[in-house]
Amino acid sequence: MSTDFFLFIVVGFCAQIIDGALGMAFGVLSTTSLLALGVPVANASAMTHVTEMFTTAASGISHAWHRNVDWKLVARLAPAGMIGG
């Protein structure tokens, strides 16, 4: 495997550890780290956003599975969020 693959794994792992501890900053840390290591801007952005899609989906599924979601509140907030999005 190429060294780029291992580079992405190391950056993603470190950013996720910090994100898990603080609850934020995965995108900032991973994008900044990849840019500092010479990855082109478009590639760094794409890799960060693809990774965030999977980690966010896993987090949402986990919260739903553990019944940590107030569905009445989701129903109230979702229309404004969809319009804003």
C-alpha atoms as a PDB file:
ATOM      1  CA  MET A   1       0.000   0.000   0.000  1.00  0.00           C
ATOM      2  CA  SER A   2       1.112   3.531  -0.638  1.00  0.00           C
ATOM      3  CA  THR A   3       2.407   5.875   2.023  1.00  0.00           C
ATOM      4  CA  ASP A   4      -0.453   8.270   1.245  1.00  0.00           C
ATOM      5  CA  PHE A   5      -2.946   5.679   2.478  1.00  0.00           C
ATOM      6  CA  PHE A   6      -1.138   5.337   5.810  1.00  0.00           C
ATOM      7  CA  LEU A   7      -0.830   9.117   6.026  1.00  0.00           C
ATOM      8  CA  PHE A   8      -4.617   9.466   5.732  1.00  0.00           C
ATOM      9  CA  ILE A   9      -5.101   6.784   8.395  1.00  0.00           C
ATOM     10  CA  VAL A  10      -2.746   8.473  10.868  1.00  0.00           C
ATOM     11  CA  VAL A  11      -4.221  11.949  10.329  1.00  0.00           C
ATOM     12  CA  GLY A  12      -7.786  10.617  10.568  1.00  0.00           C
ATOM     13  CA  PHE A  13      -7.049   8.612  13.697  1.00  0.00           C
ATOM     14  CA  CYS A  14      -5.416  11.540  15.500  1.00  0.00           C
ATOM     15  CA  ALA A  15      -8.158  13.962  14.466  1.00  0.00           C
ATOM     16  CA  GLN A  16     -10.866  11.518  15.561  1.00  0.00           C
ATOM     17  CA  ILE A  17      -9.228  10.976  18.963  1.00  0.00           C
ATOM     18  CA  ILE A  18      -9.217  14.730  19.588  1.00  0.00           C
ATOM     19  CA  ASP A  19     -12.754  15.068  18.186  1.00  0.00           C
ATOM     20  CA  GLY A  20     -13.973  12.299  20.475  1.00  0.00           C
ATOM     21  CA  ALA A  21     -12.381  13.928  23.512  1.00  0.00           C
ATOM     22  CA  LEU A  22     -13.578  17.456  22.762  1.00  0.00           C
ATOM     23  CA  GLY A  23     -16.682  16.778  20.691  1.00  0.00           C
ATOM     24  CA  MET A  24     -15.548  19.053  17.871  1.00  0.00           C
ATOM     25  CA  ALA A  25     -12.758  20.028  15.468  1.00  0.00           C
ATOM     26  CA  PHE A  26     -12.397  16.887  13.322  1.00  0.00           C
ATOM     27  CA  GLY A  27     -12.746  18.828  10.067  1.00  0.00           C
ATOM     28  CA  VAL A  28     -10.415  21.613  11.111  1.00  0.00           C
ATOM     29  CA  LEU A  29      -7.728  19.252  12.366  1.00  0.00           C
ATOM     30  CA  SER A  30      -7.819  16.786   9.499  1.00  0.00           C
ATOM     31  CA  THR A  31      -7.959  19.412   6.748  1.00  0.00           C
ATOM     32  CA  THR A  32      -5.205  21.502   8.294  1.00  0.00           C
ATOM     33  CA  SER A  33      -2.992  18.464   8.867  1.00  0.00           C
ATOM     34  CA  LEU A  34      -3.454  17.183   5.324  1.00  0.00           C
ATOM     35  CA  LEU A  35      -2.717  20.623   3.865  1.00  0.00           C
ATOM     36  CA  ALA A  36       0.411  20.916   6.017  1.00  0.00           C
ATOM     37  CA  LEU A  37       1.575  17.542   4.686  1.00  0.00           C
ATOM     38  CA  GLY A  38       1.263  18.720   1.089  1.00  0.00           C
ATOM     39  CA  VAL A  39      -2.068  17.201   0.057  1.00  0.00           C
ATOM     40  CA  PRO A  40      -3.830  19.371  -2.562  1.00  0.00           C
ATOM     41  CA  VAL A  41      -6.686  21.513  -1.246  1.00  0.00           C
ATOM     42  CA  ALA A  42      -9.417  19.740  -3.229  1.00  0.00           C
ATOM     43  CA  ASN A  43      -8.241  16.306  -2.070  1.00  0.00           C
ATOM     44  CA  ALA A  44      -7.966  17.359   1.581  1.00  0.00           C
ATOM     45  CA  SER A  45     -11.445  18.860   1.530  1.00  0.00           C
ATOM     46  CA  ALA A  46     -12.978  15.865  -0.241  1.00  0.00           C
ATOM     47  CA  MET A  47     -11.376  13.335   2.099  1.00  0.00           C
ATOM     48  CA  THR A  48     -12.465  15.273   5.172  1.00  0.00           C
ATOM     49  CA  HIS A  49     -16.069  15.584   3.983  1.00  0.00           C
ATOM     50  CA  VAL A  50     -16.355  11.934   2.963  1.00  0.00           C
ATOM     51  CA  THR A  51     -14.979  10.849   6.321  1.00  0.00           C
ATOM     52  CA  GLU A  52     -17.344  13.184   8.174  1.00  0.00           C
ATOM     53  CA  MET A  53     -20.326  11.664   6.341  1.00  0.00           C
ATOM     54  CA  PHE A  54     -19.512   8.215   7.708  1.00  0.00           C
ATOM     55  CA  THR A  55     -18.587   9.323  11.237  1.00  0.00           C
ATOM     56  CA  THR A  56     -21.693  11.529  11.500  1.00  0.00           C
ATOM     57  CA  ALA A  57     -23.935   8.709  10.259  1.00  0.00           C
ATOM     58  CA  ALA A  58     -22.388   6.284  12.748  1.00  0.00           C
ATOM     59  CA  SER A  59     -22.877   8.782  15.559  1.00  0.00           C
ATOM     60  CA  GLY A  60     -26.500   9.422  14.599  1.00  0.00           C
ATOM     61  CA  ILE A  61     -27.267   5.702  14.382  1.00  0.00           C
ATOM     62  CA  SER A  62     -25.638   5.142  17.758  1.00  0.00           C
ATOM     63  CA  HIS A  63     -27.694   7.896  19.399  1.00  0.00           C
ATOM     64  CA  ALA A  64     -30.905   6.540  17.866  1.00  0.00           C
ATOM     65  CA  TRP A  65     -30.013   2.984  18.917  1.00  0.00           C
ATOM     66  CA  HIS A  66     -29.390   4.074  22.520  1.00  0.00           C
ATOM     67  CA  ARG A  67     -32.600   6.148  22.538  1.00  0.00           C
ATOM     68  CA  ASN A  68     -30.805   9.456  23.084  1.00  0.00           C
ATOM     69  CA  VAL A  69     -32.964  11.306  20.556  1.00  0.00           C
ATOM     70  CA  ASP A  70     -35.932  13.507  21.474  1.00  0.00           C
ATOM     71  CA  TRP A  71     -37.995  12.874  18.331  1.00  0.00           C
ATOM     72  CA  LYS A  72     -40.550  15.591  19.226  1.00  0.00           C
ATOM     73  CA  LEU A  73     -37.761  18.151  19.256  1.00  0.00           C
ATOM     74  CA  VAL A  74     -36.395  16.773  15.971  1.00  0.00           C
ATOM     75  CA  ALA A  75     -39.849  17.188  14.403  1.00  0.00           C
ATOM     76  CA  ARG A  76     -39.954  20.836  15.561  1.00  0.00           C
ATOM     77  CA  LEU A  77     -36.423  21.712  14.406  1.00  0.00           C
ATOM     78  CA  ALA A  78     -36.181  19.695  11.194  1.00  0.00           C
ATOM     79  CA  PRO A  79     -38.315  21.948   8.937  1.00  0.00           C
ATOM     80  CA  ALA A  80     -36.260  25.069   9.746  1.00  0.00           C
ATOM     81  CA  GLY A  81     -33.032  23.089   9.378  1.00  0.00           C
ATOM     82  CA  MET A  82     -34.061  21.789   5.971  1.00  0.00           C
ATOM     83  CA  ILE A  83     -35.035  25.275   4.796  1.00  0.00           C
ATOM     84  CA  GLY A  84     -31.766  26.703   6.117  1.00  0.00           C
ATOM     85  CA  GLY A  85     -29.777  23.911   4.519  1.00  0.00           C
END
